[in-house]
Amino acid sequence: MNEQGKWDVSVLYVEDDSATREEVAPFLEQRVREVMTAENGRDGLALYRQKQPDLVITDIRMPAMDGLQMARAIRDISKGALVIVTTAHSDTSSLLDAIEIGIDQYVVKPLNMKKFSAAIEKCVEIIEYRRAHKRYLAEREKLVADLQQALAEAKLKDRVQAENIYLKQEIDREYNFGEIIGKSTALQYVFFRVEQVAPQDATVLLLGETGTGKGVVARAIQSRSGRKDQPMVTVNCSALPANLIESELFGREKGAFTGSSERQMGRFELADNGTLFLDEIGEMPLELQAKLLRVIQDGEFERLGGPGPSRSMCGSSRPPTGT
């Protein structure tokens, strides 16, 4: 009920008998927020189309259009419309028709105001339930949308932070991204091979002694590939402790091991859509080779402590490897 002690609903009351209408309308006005009246079904239907009241109360037998004809037309407009019919004791056939079309409540004339009020209250309960359910659905939809937005923002923030950390590490190491310069036959052959493999979606193995420039060649492949605008992530396998290299490559979930207080993205994830350069891959522990093979072949990896496989490269990050 509202502050005036009335049910917060609007009612359309349709009755052709003026004496009954003048008696019932004030009774309704004391109990509901708004009352509209009409003298026949035709006028009642027009008023319903205009105002869309919460509840319709109608007599059955009326001129121009009877109450049941109006009720059918109203249900065509709104299938969930609530309708109460009032009918005389002797009007059994009309009452059966009312039951057939699914009228919500009926009250026998002459009206017993206590029973009449109880019938209205039952309809009000349905109206309030529908309103509460509608509010619940709207709130749930908003909550889902907010959660989806928060999740998207959290993922973006996580990735940006991880990439910033990696870029800072690269800057701190003063990594040299300069071009290769030379005219020797050996270098010309290297240039030729770089041009061959750069457009391909394939894993590349670079062989050479330490200091011969495998990292520079990897950068040349990256810069001439379709991934040139994406990051190139470098992992020095010889510089990482054996007990940390797995979490560095594949990442870890919070609580994966003692001291792991938050989730960390691995280098494969950071290189998604770009290039991963595994420098000195020959120094990688043998037990990690099977996991590395799975990433290269299937594009899947598991974070340390994770529940299952995650998408890694899905054909999107290609690891040139150095040895």
C-alpha atoms as a PDB file:
ATOM      1  CA  MET A   1       0.000   0.000   0.000  1.00  0.00           C
ATOM      2  CA  ASN A   2       1.067   3.601  -0.570  1.00  0.00           C
ATOM      3  CA  GLU A   3       1.307   6.399   2.015  1.00  0.00           C
ATOM      4  CA  GLN A   4      -2.473   6.986   1.875  1.00  0.00           C
ATOM      5  CA  GLY A   5      -3.153   3.353   2.844  1.00  0.00           C
ATOM      6  CA  LYS A   6      -4.312   2.445  -0.664  1.00  0.00           C
ATOM      7  CA  TRP A   7      -3.224  -0.356  -2.967  1.00  0.00           C
ATOM      8  CA  ASP A   8      -0.772   1.088  -5.483  1.00  0.00           C
ATOM      9  CA  VAL A   9      -2.747  -0.026  -8.545  1.00  0.00           C
ATOM     10  CA  SER A  10      -4.948   1.570 -11.193  1.00  0.00           C
ATOM     11  CA  VAL A  11      -8.392   0.071 -11.869  1.00  0.00           C
ATOM     12  CA  LEU A  12     -10.737   0.284 -14.845  1.00  0.00           C
ATOM     13  CA  TYR A  13     -14.344  -0.280 -13.701  1.00  0.00           C
ATOM     14  CA  VAL A  14     -16.884  -0.982 -16.472  1.00  0.00           C
ATOM     15  CA  GLU A  15     -20.580  -1.055 -15.516  1.00  0.00           C
ATOM     16  CA  ASP A  16     -23.617   0.006 -17.553  1.00  0.00           C
ATOM     17  CA  ASP A  17     -25.891   0.424 -14.532  1.00  0.00           C
ATOM     18  CA  SER A  18     -25.331   3.990 -13.298  1.00  0.00           C
ATOM     19  CA  ALA A  19     -26.614   3.313  -9.751  1.00  0.00           C
ATOM     20  CA  THR A  20     -24.198   0.404  -9.281  1.00  0.00           C
ATOM     21  CA  ARG A  21     -21.366   2.383 -10.841  1.00  0.00           C
ATOM     22  CA  GLU A  22     -21.962   5.361  -8.531  1.00  0.00           C
ATOM     23  CA  GLU A  23     -21.942   3.026  -5.535  1.00  0.00           C
ATOM     24  CA  VAL A  24     -18.869   0.953  -6.430  1.00  0.00           C
ATOM     25  CA  ALA A  25     -16.625   3.705  -7.844  1.00  0.00           C
ATOM     26  CA  PRO A  26     -16.261   5.569  -4.477  1.00  0.00           C
ATOM     27  CA  PHE A  27     -15.646   2.231  -2.762  1.00  0.00           C
ATOM     28  CA  LEU A  28     -12.753   1.599  -5.163  1.00  0.00           C
ATOM     29  CA  GLU A  29     -11.404   5.156  -4.852  1.00  0.00           C
ATOM     30  CA  GLN A  30     -10.939   4.592  -1.120  1.00  0.00           C
ATOM     31  CA  ARG A  31      -8.835   1.487  -1.730  1.00  0.00           C
ATOM     32  CA  VAL A  32      -6.757   1.975  -4.901  1.00  0.00           C
ATOM     33  CA  ARG A  33      -4.504   4.682  -6.296  1.00  0.00           C
ATOM     34  CA  GLU A  34      -6.570   5.452  -9.433  1.00  0.00           C
ATOM     35  CA  VAL A  35     -10.050   4.563 -10.700  1.00  0.00           C
ATOM     36  CA  MET A  36     -11.318   4.925 -14.298  1.00  0.00           C
ATOM     37  CA  THR A  37     -14.935   4.190 -15.227  1.00  0.00           C
ATOM     38  CA  ALA A  38     -16.784   3.352 -18.441  1.00  0.00           C
ATOM     39  CA  GLU A  39     -20.443   2.629 -19.253  1.00  0.00           C
ATOM     40  CA  ASN A  40     -19.938  -0.220 -21.753  1.00  0.00           C
ATOM     41  CA  GLY A  41     -17.344  -2.592 -23.150  1.00  0.00           C
ATOM     42  CA  ARG A  42     -16.579  -0.467 -26.210  1.00  0.00           C
ATOM     43  CA  ASP A  43     -15.731   2.599 -24.131  1.00  0.00           C
ATOM     44  CA  GLY A  44     -13.914   0.413 -21.601  1.00  0.00           C
ATOM     45  CA  LEU A  45     -11.707  -1.108 -24.326  1.00  0.00           C
ATOM     46  CA  ALA A  46     -10.856   2.356 -25.687  1.00  0.00           C
ATOM     47  CA  LEU A  47      -9.939   3.528 -22.174  1.00  0.00           C
ATOM     48  CA  TYR A  48      -7.805   0.425 -21.617  1.00  0.00           C
ATOM     49  CA  ARG A  49      -5.867   1.066 -24.825  1.00  0.00           C
ATOM     50  CA  GLN A  50      -5.235   4.641 -23.699  1.00  0.00           C
ATOM     51  CA  LYS A  51      -4.403   4.122 -20.004  1.00  0.00           C
ATOM     52  CA  GLN A  52      -3.257   0.467 -19.662  1.00  0.00           C
ATOM     53  CA  PRO A  53      -4.609   0.058 -16.085  1.00  0.00           C
ATOM     54  CA  ASP A  54      -3.304  -2.683 -13.769  1.00  0.00           C
ATOM     55  CA  LEU A  55      -6.716  -4.280 -13.178  1.00  0.00           C
ATOM     56  CA  VAL A  56     -10.053  -4.420 -15.046  1.00  0.00           C
ATOM     57  CA  ILE A  57     -13.361  -4.982 -13.226  1.00  0.00           C
ATOM     58  CA  THR A  58     -16.340  -5.429 -15.525  1.00  0.00           C
ATOM     59  CA  ASP A  59     -19.969  -6.432 -15.615  1.00  0.00           C
ATOM     60  CA  ILE A  60     -20.770  -9.100 -18.207  1.00  0.00           C
ATOM     61  CA  ARG A  61     -24.036  -8.063 -19.817  1.00  0.00           C
ATOM     62  CA  MET A  62     -23.721  -4.564 -21.327  1.00  0.00           C
ATOM     63  CA  PRO A  63     -24.791  -2.803 -24.541  1.00  0.00           C
ATOM     64  CA  ALA A  64     -22.420  -2.110 -27.497  1.00  0.00           C
ATOM     65  CA  MET A  65     -19.862  -4.707 -26.307  1.00  0.00           C
ATOM     66  CA  ASP A  66     -20.353  -7.051 -23.384  1.00  0.00           C
ATOM     67  CA  GLY A  67     -17.772  -7.629 -20.664  1.00  0.00           C
ATOM     68  CA  LEU A  68     -16.484 -10.942 -22.031  1.00  0.00           C
ATOM     69  CA  GLN A  69     -15.989  -9.544 -25.529  1.00  0.00           C
ATOM     70  CA  MET A  70     -14.054  -6.653 -23.983  1.00  0.00           C
ATOM     71  CA  ALA A  71     -12.019  -9.061 -21.841  1.00  0.00           C
ATOM     72  CA  ARG A  72     -11.014 -11.103 -24.923  1.00  0.00           C
ATOM     73  CA  ALA A  73      -9.954  -7.928 -26.748  1.00  0.00           C
ATOM     74  CA  ILE A  74      -7.960  -6.775 -23.723  1.00  0.00           C
ATOM     75  CA  ARG A  75      -6.198 -10.137 -23.491  1.00  0.00           C
ATOM     76  CA  ASP A  76      -5.246  -9.747 -27.167  1.00  0.00           C
ATOM     77  CA  ILE A  77      -3.576  -6.450 -26.240  1.00  0.00           C
ATOM     78  CA  SER A  78      -1.951  -7.797 -23.072  1.00  0.00           C
ATOM     79  CA  LYS A  79      -1.967 -11.549 -22.402  1.00  0.00           C
ATOM     80  CA  GLY A  80      -1.257 -10.994 -18.717  1.00  0.00           C
ATOM     81  CA  ALA A  81      -4.102  -8.515 -18.134  1.00  0.00           C
ATOM     82  CA  LEU A  82      -5.988  -9.161 -14.873  1.00  0.00           C
ATOM     83  CA  VAL A  83      -9.810  -9.154 -15.126  1.00  0.00           C
ATOM     84  CA  ILE A  84     -12.529  -9.514 -12.491  1.00  0.00           C
ATOM     85  CA  VAL A  85     -16.099 -10.032 -13.698  1.00  0.00           C
ATOM     86  CA  THR A  86     -19.274  -9.342 -11.783  1.00  0.00           C
ATOM     87  CA  THR A  87     -22.318 -11.433 -12.702  1.00  0.00           C
ATOM     88  CA  ALA A  88     -25.794 -12.258 -11.452  1.00  0.00           C
ATOM     89  CA  HIS A  89     -26.686 -15.612  -9.857  1.00  0.00           C
ATOM     90  CA  SER A  90     -28.805 -16.602 -12.841  1.00  0.00           C
ATOM     91  CA  ASP A  91     -26.121 -15.831 -15.478  1.00  0.00           C
ATOM     92  CA  THR A  92     -24.585 -19.327 -15.394  1.00  0.00           C
ATOM     93  CA  SER A  93     -23.769 -19.607 -19.104  1.00  0.00           C
ATOM     94  CA  SER A  94     -21.846 -16.298 -19.108  1.00  0.00           C
ATOM     95  CA  LEU A  95     -19.988 -17.395 -15.985  1.00  0.00           C
ATOM     96  CA  LEU A  96     -18.879 -20.592 -17.732  1.00  0.00           C
ATOM     97  CA  ASP A  97     -17.670 -18.507 -20.690  1.00  0.00           C
ATOM     98  CA  ALA A  98     -15.721 -16.312 -18.267  1.00  0.00           C
ATOM     99  CA  ILE A  99     -14.041 -19.364 -16.754  1.00  0.00           C
ATOM    100  CA  GLU A 100     -13.212 -20.669 -20.249  1.00  0.00           C
ATOM    101  CA  ILE A 101     -11.302 -17.527 -21.264  1.00  0.00           C
ATOM    102  CA  GLY A 102      -9.370 -17.517 -17.991  1.00  0.00           C
ATOM    103  CA  ILE A 103     -10.947 -14.649 -16.065  1.00  0.00           C
ATOM    104  CA  ASP A 104      -8.938 -14.203 -12.859  1.00  0.00           C
ATOM    105  CA  GLN A 105     -11.776 -13.608 -10.371  1.00  0.00           C
ATOM    106  CA  TYR A 106     -15.566 -13.343 -10.435  1.00  0.00           C
ATOM    107  CA  VAL A 107     -17.975 -11.864  -7.912  1.00  0.00           C
ATOM    108  CA  VAL A 108     -21.711 -12.564  -7.841  1.00  0.00           C
ATOM    109  CA  LYS A 109     -24.217  -9.695  -7.869  1.00  0.00           C
ATOM    110  CA  PRO A 110     -25.560  -8.109  -5.788  1.00  0.00           C
ATOM    111  CA  LEU A 111     -22.027  -7.378  -4.637  1.00  0.00           C
ATOM    112  CA  ASN A 112     -20.879  -8.494  -1.228  1.00  0.00           C
ATOM    113  CA  MET A 113     -18.264  -5.792  -0.579  1.00  0.00           C
ATOM    114  CA  LYS A 114     -16.173  -8.025   1.660  1.00  0.00           C
ATOM    115  CA  LYS A 115     -15.914 -10.720  -1.035  1.00  0.00           C
ATOM    116  CA  PHE A 116     -15.473  -8.037  -3.681  1.00  0.00           C
ATOM    117  CA  SER A 117     -12.565  -6.529  -1.738  1.00  0.00           C
ATOM    118  CA  ALA A 118     -11.005  -9.987  -1.239  1.00  0.00           C
ATOM    119  CA  ALA A 119     -11.130 -10.647  -5.000  1.00  0.00           C
ATOM    120  CA  ILE A 120      -9.398  -7.321  -5.667  1.00  0.00           C
ATOM    121  CA  GLU A 121      -6.746  -8.087  -3.036  1.00  0.00           C
ATOM    122  CA  LYS A 122      -5.887 -11.394  -4.715  1.00  0.00           C
ATOM    123  CA  CYS A 123      -5.300  -9.570  -7.994  1.00  0.00           C
ATOM    124  CA  VAL A 124      -3.234  -6.904  -6.225  1.00  0.00           C
ATOM    125  CA  GLU A 125      -0.984  -9.663  -4.825  1.00  0.00           C
ATOM    126  CA  ILE A 126      -0.382 -10.906  -8.384  1.00  0.00           C
ATOM    127  CA  ILE A 127       0.384  -7.364  -9.567  1.00  0.00           C
ATOM    128  CA  GLU A 128       2.879  -6.794  -6.739  1.00  0.00           C
ATOM    129  CA  TYR A 129       4.553 -10.148  -7.380  1.00  0.00           C
ATOM    130  CA  ARG A 130       4.962  -9.316 -11.076  1.00  0.00           C
ATOM    131  CA  ARG A 131       6.446  -5.935 -10.221  1.00  0.00           C
ATOM    132  CA  ALA A 132       8.894  -7.491  -7.761  1.00  0.00           C
ATOM    133  CA  HIS A 133       9.873 -10.136 -10.310  1.00  0.00           C
ATOM    134  CA  LYS A 134      10.394  -7.471 -12.974  1.00  0.00           C
ATOM    135  CA  ARG A 135      12.599  -5.466 -10.587  1.00  0.00           C
ATOM    136  CA  TYR A 136      14.553  -8.628  -9.757  1.00  0.00           C
ATOM    137  CA  LEU A 137      15.161  -9.386 -13.438  1.00  0.00           C
ATOM    138  CA  ALA A 138      16.251  -5.791 -14.097  1.00  0.00           C
ATOM    139  CA  GLU A 139      18.604  -5.828 -11.109  1.00  0.00           C
ATOM    140  CA  ARG A 140      20.023  -9.204 -12.121  1.00  0.00           C
ATOM    141  CA  GLU A 141      20.571  -7.999 -15.690  1.00  0.00           C
ATOM    142  CA  LYS A 142      22.360  -4.891 -14.392  1.00  0.00           C
ATOM    143  CA  LEU A 143      24.457  -7.001 -12.024  1.00  0.00           C
ATOM    144  CA  VAL A 144      25.491  -9.355 -14.830  1.00  0.00           C
ATOM    145  CA  ALA A 145      26.393  -6.395 -17.045  1.00  0.00           C
ATOM    146  CA  ASP A 146      28.405  -4.784 -14.227  1.00  0.00           C
ATOM    147  CA  LEU A 147      30.232  -8.048 -13.521  1.00  0.00           C
ATOM    148  CA  GLN A 148      31.047  -8.541 -17.198  1.00  0.00           C
ATOM    149  CA  GLN A 149      32.384  -4.997 -17.431  1.00  0.00           C
ATOM    150  CA  ALA A 150      34.415  -5.404 -14.234  1.00  0.00           C
ATOM    151  CA  LEU A 151      35.854  -8.699 -15.483  1.00  0.00           C
ATOM    152  CA  ALA A 152      36.816  -7.178 -18.829  1.00  0.00           C
ATOM    153  CA  GLU A 153      38.449  -4.219 -17.083  1.00  0.00           C
ATOM    154  CA  ALA A 154      40.285  -6.517 -14.677  1.00  0.00           C
ATOM    155  CA  LYS A 155      41.645  -8.662 -17.526  1.00  0.00           C
ATOM    156  CA  LEU A 156      42.763  -5.587 -19.459  1.00  0.00           C
ATOM    157  CA  LYS A 157      44.394  -4.097 -16.374  1.00  0.00           C
ATOM    158  CA  ASP A 158      46.124  -7.413 -15.612  1.00  0.00           C
ATOM    159  CA  ARG A 159      47.512  -7.666 -19.122  1.00  0.00           C
ATOM    160  CA  VAL A 160      48.629  -4.018 -19.288  1.00  0.00           C
ATOM    161  CA  GLN A 161      50.397  -4.319 -15.939  1.00  0.00           C
ATOM    162  CA  ALA A 162      52.158  -7.526 -17.009  1.00  0.00           C
ATOM    163  CA  GLU A 163      53.257  -6.009 -20.323  1.00  0.00           C
ATOM    164  CA  ASN A 164      54.487  -2.876 -18.568  1.00  0.00           C
ATOM    165  CA  ILE A 165      56.557  -4.977 -16.184  1.00  0.00           C
ATOM    166  CA  TYR A 166      58.089  -6.878 -19.076  1.00  0.00           C
ATOM    167  CA  LEU A 167      58.824  -3.711 -21.077  1.00  0.00           C
ATOM    168  CA  LYS A 168      60.443  -2.139 -18.031  1.00  0.00           C
ATOM    169  CA  GLN A 169      62.637  -5.217 -17.664  1.00  0.00           C
ATOM    170  CA  GLU A 170      63.633  -4.962 -21.322  1.00  0.00           C
ATOM    171  CA  ILE A 171      64.460  -1.264 -20.993  1.00  0.00           C
ATOM    172  CA  ASP A 172      66.458  -1.935 -17.845  1.00  0.00           C
ATOM    173  CA  ARG A 173      68.537  -4.480 -19.756  1.00  0.00           C
ATOM    174  CA  GLU A 174      69.068  -1.882 -22.531  1.00  0.00           C
ATOM    175  CA  TYR A 175      68.158  -4.427 -25.156  1.00  0.00           C
ATOM    176  CA  ASN A 176      69.496  -3.587 -28.617  1.00  0.00           C
ATOM    177  CA  PHE A 177      66.847  -3.684 -31.373  1.00  0.00           C
ATOM    178  CA  GLY A 178      69.182  -2.384 -34.126  1.00  0.00           C
ATOM    179  CA  GLU A 179      69.200  -3.715 -37.698  1.00  0.00           C
ATOM    180  CA  ILE A 180      71.793  -6.160 -39.027  1.00  0.00           C
ATOM    181  CA  ILE A 181      74.362  -4.542 -41.318  1.00  0.00           C
ATOM    182  CA  GLY A 182      76.693  -6.531 -43.578  1.00  0.00           C
ATOM    183  CA  LYS A 183      77.506  -7.620 -47.145  1.00  0.00           C
ATOM    184  CA  SER A 184      79.224 -10.959 -46.693  1.00  0.00           C
ATOM    185  CA  THR A 185      77.940 -14.064 -48.460  1.00  0.00           C
ATOM    186  CA  ALA A 186      77.073 -15.624 -45.107  1.00  0.00           C
ATOM    187  CA  LEU A 187      74.963 -12.642 -44.061  1.00  0.00           C
ATOM    188  CA  GLN A 188      73.266 -12.468 -47.468  1.00  0.00           C
ATOM    189  CA  TYR A 189      72.205 -16.085 -46.989  1.00  0.00           C
ATOM    190  CA  VAL A 190      70.887 -15.230 -43.505  1.00  0.00           C
ATOM    191  CA  PHE A 191      68.869 -12.354 -45.017  1.00  0.00           C
ATOM    192  CA  PHE A 192      67.494 -14.726 -47.657  1.00  0.00           C
ATOM    193  CA  ARG A 193      66.388 -17.254 -45.038  1.00  0.00           C
ATOM    194  CA  VAL A 194      64.842 -14.519 -42.879  1.00  0.00           C
ATOM    195  CA  GLU A 195      62.750 -13.308 -45.828  1.00  0.00           C
ATOM    196  CA  GLN A 196      61.629 -16.910 -46.425  1.00  0.00           C
ATOM    197  CA  VAL A 197      60.484 -17.739 -42.903  1.00  0.00           C
ATOM    198  CA  ALA A 198      59.194 -14.347 -41.717  1.00  0.00           C
ATOM    199  CA  PRO A 199      55.776 -14.543 -43.498  1.00  0.00           C
ATOM    200  CA  GLN A 200      55.226 -18.157 -42.389  1.00  0.00           C
ATOM    201  CA  ASP A 201      53.176 -19.194 -39.359  1.00  0.00           C
ATOM    202  CA  ALA A 202      55.808 -21.605 -38.122  1.00  0.00           C
ATOM    203  CA  THR A 203      58.218 -22.176 -35.249  1.00  0.00           C
ATOM    204  CA  VAL A 204      61.781 -21.207 -36.182  1.00  0.00           C
ATOM    205  CA  LEU A 205      64.963 -22.772 -34.780  1.00  0.00           C
ATOM    206  CA  LEU A 206      68.037 -20.497 -34.800  1.00  0.00           C
ATOM    207  CA  LEU A 207      71.396 -22.249 -34.389  1.00  0.00           C
ATOM    208  CA  GLY A 208      74.701 -20.577 -33.573  1.00  0.00           C
ATOM    209  CA  GLU A 209      77.357 -20.059 -30.959  1.00  0.00           C
ATOM    210  CA  THR A 210      76.829 -17.620 -28.116  1.00  0.00           C
ATOM    211  CA  GLY A 211      77.357 -14.074 -29.342  1.00  0.00           C
ATOM    212  CA  THR A 212      76.693 -14.700 -33.030  1.00  0.00           C
ATOM    213  CA  GLY A 213      73.503 -12.600 -33.005  1.00  0.00           C
ATOM    214  CA  LYS A 214      70.634 -15.078 -32.779  1.00  0.00           C
ATOM    215  CA  GLY A 215      68.552 -12.498 -30.896  1.00  0.00           C
ATOM    216  CA  VAL A 216      69.132  -9.891 -33.608  1.00  0.00           C
ATOM    217  CA  VAL A 217      68.044 -12.376 -36.275  1.00  0.00           C
ATOM    218  CA  ALA A 218      64.935 -13.197 -34.224  1.00  0.00           C
ATOM    219  CA  ARG A 219      64.133  -9.482 -34.141  1.00  0.00           C
ATOM    220  CA  ALA A 220      64.626  -9.285 -37.914  1.00  0.00           C
ATOM    221  CA  ILE A 221      62.157 -12.156 -38.408  1.00  0.00           C
ATOM    222  CA  GLN A 222      59.655 -10.427 -36.119  1.00  0.00           C
ATOM    223  CA  SER A 223      59.976  -7.067 -37.896  1.00  0.00           C
ATOM    224  CA  ARG A 224      59.290  -8.614 -41.319  1.00  0.00           C
ATOM    225  CA  SER A 225      56.362 -10.792 -40.198  1.00  0.00           C
ATOM    226  CA  GLY A 226      52.670 -10.073 -39.900  1.00  0.00           C
ATOM    227  CA  ARG A 227      53.283  -9.739 -36.142  1.00  0.00           C
ATOM    228  CA  LYS A 228      55.614  -6.765 -36.383  1.00  0.00           C
ATOM    229  CA  ASP A 229      53.185  -4.498 -34.495  1.00  0.00           C
ATOM    230  CA  GLN A 230      52.803  -7.028 -31.665  1.00  0.00           C
ATOM    231  CA  PRO A 231      55.235  -7.610 -28.768  1.00  0.00           C
ATOM    232  CA  MET A 232      58.315  -9.813 -29.021  1.00  0.00           C
ATOM    233  CA  VAL A 233      58.908 -11.410 -25.636  1.00  0.00           C
ATOM    234  CA  THR A 234      62.381 -12.777 -24.867  1.00  0.00           C
ATOM    235  CA  VAL A 235      63.172 -15.507 -22.344  1.00  0.00           C
ATOM    236  CA  ASN A 236      66.800 -16.250 -21.495  1.00  0.00           C
ATOM    237  CA  CYS A 237      66.510 -19.900 -20.510  1.00  0.00           C
ATOM    238  CA  SER A 238      70.070 -20.016 -19.165  1.00  0.00           C
ATOM    239  CA  ALA A 239      69.517 -17.070 -16.818  1.00  0.00           C
ATOM    240  CA  LEU A 240      66.385 -18.442 -15.125  1.00  0.00           C
ATOM    241  CA  PRO A 241      66.659 -20.895 -12.212  1.00  0.00           C
ATOM    242  CA  ALA A 242      65.312 -24.349 -13.075  1.00  0.00           C
ATOM    243  CA  ASN A 243      62.653 -24.111 -10.327  1.00  0.00           C
ATOM    244  CA  LEU A 244      61.280 -20.832 -11.711  1.00  0.00           C
ATOM    245  CA  ILE A 245      61.395 -21.306 -15.458  1.00  0.00           C
ATOM    246  CA  GLU A 246      58.063 -23.160 -15.617  1.00  0.00           C
ATOM    247  CA  SER A 247      56.133 -20.390 -13.838  1.00  0.00           C
ATOM    248  CA  GLU A 248      57.959 -17.759 -15.931  1.00  0.00           C
ATOM    249  CA  LEU A 249      56.953 -19.470 -19.168  1.00  0.00           C
ATOM    250  CA  PHE A 250      53.434 -20.638 -18.358  1.00  0.00           C
ATOM    251  CA  GLY A 251      52.457 -18.314 -15.496  1.00  0.00           C
ATOM    252  CA  ARG A 252      51.037 -19.293 -12.151  1.00  0.00           C
ATOM    253  CA  GLU A 253      47.799 -19.089 -10.204  1.00  0.00           C
ATOM    254  CA  LYS A 254      47.556 -17.544  -6.760  1.00  0.00           C
ATOM    255  CA  GLY A 255      48.700 -20.079  -4.160  1.00  0.00           C
ATOM    256  CA  ALA A 256      50.420 -22.333  -6.720  1.00  0.00           C
ATOM    257  CA  PHE A 257      53.358 -22.636  -4.322  1.00  0.00           C
ATOM    258  CA  THR A 258      54.598 -21.093  -1.098  1.00  0.00           C
ATOM    259  CA  GLY A 259      55.044 -17.367  -1.546  1.00  0.00           C
ATOM    260  CA  SER A 260      52.797 -17.182  -4.616  1.00  0.00           C
ATOM    261  CA  SER A 261      50.473 -14.449  -3.344  1.00  0.00           C
ATOM    262  CA  GLU A 262      48.899 -13.434  -6.663  1.00  0.00           C
ATOM    263  CA  ARG A 263      48.263 -14.715 -10.176  1.00  0.00           C
ATOM    264  CA  GLN A 264      51.017 -14.020 -12.702  1.00  0.00           C
ATOM    265  CA  MET A 265      50.817 -14.180 -16.478  1.00  0.00           C
ATOM    266  CA  GLY A 266      53.542 -16.236 -18.164  1.00  0.00           C
ATOM    267  CA  ARG A 267      55.686 -15.272 -21.125  1.00  0.00           C
ATOM    268  CA  PHE A 268      53.554 -17.356 -23.520  1.00  0.00           C
ATOM    269  CA  GLU A 269      50.487 -15.340 -22.510  1.00  0.00           C
ATOM    270  CA  LEU A 270      52.365 -12.069 -22.818  1.00  0.00           C
ATOM    271  CA  ALA A 271      53.437 -13.058 -26.332  1.00  0.00           C
ATOM    272  CA  ASP A 272      49.879 -13.828 -27.444  1.00  0.00           C
ATOM    273  CA  ASN A 273      49.476 -12.601 -31.046  1.00  0.00           C
ATOM    274  CA  GLY A 274      53.180 -11.746 -31.073  1.00  0.00           C
ATOM    275  CA  THR A 275      56.503 -13.592 -30.973  1.00  0.00           C
ATOM    276  CA  LEU A 276      58.220 -15.480 -28.162  1.00  0.00           C
ATOM    277  CA  PHE A 277      62.022 -15.808 -28.378  1.00  0.00           C
ATOM    278  CA  LEU A 278      63.432 -18.607 -26.234  1.00  0.00           C
ATOM    279  CA  ASP A 279      67.112 -17.806 -26.008  1.00  0.00           C
ATOM    280  CA  GLU A 280      69.542 -20.614 -25.086  1.00  0.00           C
ATOM    281  CA  ILE A 281      66.721 -23.164 -25.183  1.00  0.00           C
ATOM    282  CA  GLY A 282      69.259 -25.934 -24.864  1.00  0.00           C
ATOM    283  CA  GLU A 283      69.660 -24.957 -21.204  1.00  0.00           C
ATOM    284  CA  MET A 284      66.000 -25.692 -20.466  1.00  0.00           C
ATOM    285  CA  PRO A 285      65.402 -28.614 -18.057  1.00  0.00           C
ATOM    286  CA  LEU A 286      64.454 -31.827 -19.853  1.00  0.00           C
ATOM    287  CA  GLU A 287      61.230 -32.269 -17.851  1.00  0.00           C
ATOM    288  CA  LEU A 288      59.834 -29.053 -19.384  1.00  0.00           C
ATOM    289  CA  GLN A 289      60.357 -30.200 -22.949  1.00  0.00           C
ATOM    290  CA  ALA A 290      57.065 -32.141 -23.080  1.00  0.00           C
ATOM    291  CA  LYS A 291      55.103 -29.106 -21.853  1.00  0.00           C
ATOM    292  CA  LEU A 292      56.897 -26.865 -24.316  1.00  0.00           C
ATOM    293  CA  LEU A 293      56.106 -29.302 -27.142  1.00  0.00           C
ATOM    294  CA  ARG A 294      52.427 -29.185 -26.211  1.00  0.00           C
ATOM    295  CA  VAL A 295      52.371 -25.386 -26.502  1.00  0.00           C
ATOM    296  CA  ILE A 296      54.174 -25.443 -29.852  1.00  0.00           C
ATOM    297  CA  GLN A 297      52.026 -28.217 -31.336  1.00  0.00           C
ATOM    298  CA  ASP A 298      48.580 -27.652 -29.771  1.00  0.00           C
ATOM    299  CA  GLY A 299      48.680 -23.991 -28.706  1.00  0.00           C
ATOM    300  CA  GLU A 300      47.672 -24.916 -25.142  1.00  0.00           C
ATOM    301  CA  PHE A 301      49.360 -24.525 -21.774  1.00  0.00           C
ATOM    302  CA  GLU A 302      48.500 -24.805 -18.098  1.00  0.00           C
ATOM    303  CA  ARG A 303      49.352 -22.155 -15.557  1.00  0.00           C
ATOM    304  CA  LEU A 304      51.193 -23.554 -12.562  1.00  0.00           C
ATOM    305  CA  GLY A 305      48.492 -24.475 -10.052  1.00  0.00           C
ATOM    306  CA  GLY A 306      45.751 -23.947 -12.657  1.00  0.00           C
ATOM    307  CA  PRO A 307      42.623 -26.148 -12.967  1.00  0.00           C
ATOM    308  CA  GLY A 308      43.107 -27.035 -16.647  1.00  0.00           C
ATOM    309  CA  PRO A 309      44.385 -25.972 -20.047  1.00  0.00           C
ATOM    310  CA  SER A 310      44.206 -22.350 -21.099  1.00  0.00           C
ATOM    311  CA  ARG A 311      44.303 -20.842 -24.552  1.00  0.00           C
ATOM    312  CA  SER A 312      47.813 -19.704 -25.306  1.00  0.00           C
ATOM    313  CA  MET A 313      48.841 -19.084 -28.863  1.00  0.00           C
ATOM    314  CA  CYS A 314      45.851 -20.621 -30.731  1.00  0.00           C
ATOM    315  CA  GLY A 315      47.947 -20.102 -33.832  1.00  0.00           C
ATOM    316  CA  SER A 316      48.742 -16.582 -32.693  1.00  0.00           C
ATOM    317  CA  SER A 317      52.202 -16.473 -31.108  1.00  0.00           C
ATOM    318  CA  ARG A 318      55.131 -18.135 -32.740  1.00  0.00           C
ATOM    319  CA  PRO A 319      58.245 -18.963 -30.733  1.00  0.00           C
ATOM    320  CA  PRO A 320      61.571 -18.613 -32.558  1.00  0.00           C
ATOM    321  CA  THR A 321      64.009 -20.566 -30.459  1.00  0.00           C
ATOM    322  CA  GLY A 322      67.715 -20.032 -30.024  1.00  0.00           C
ATOM    323  CA  THR A 323      70.355 -22.449 -28.950  1.00  0.00           C
END
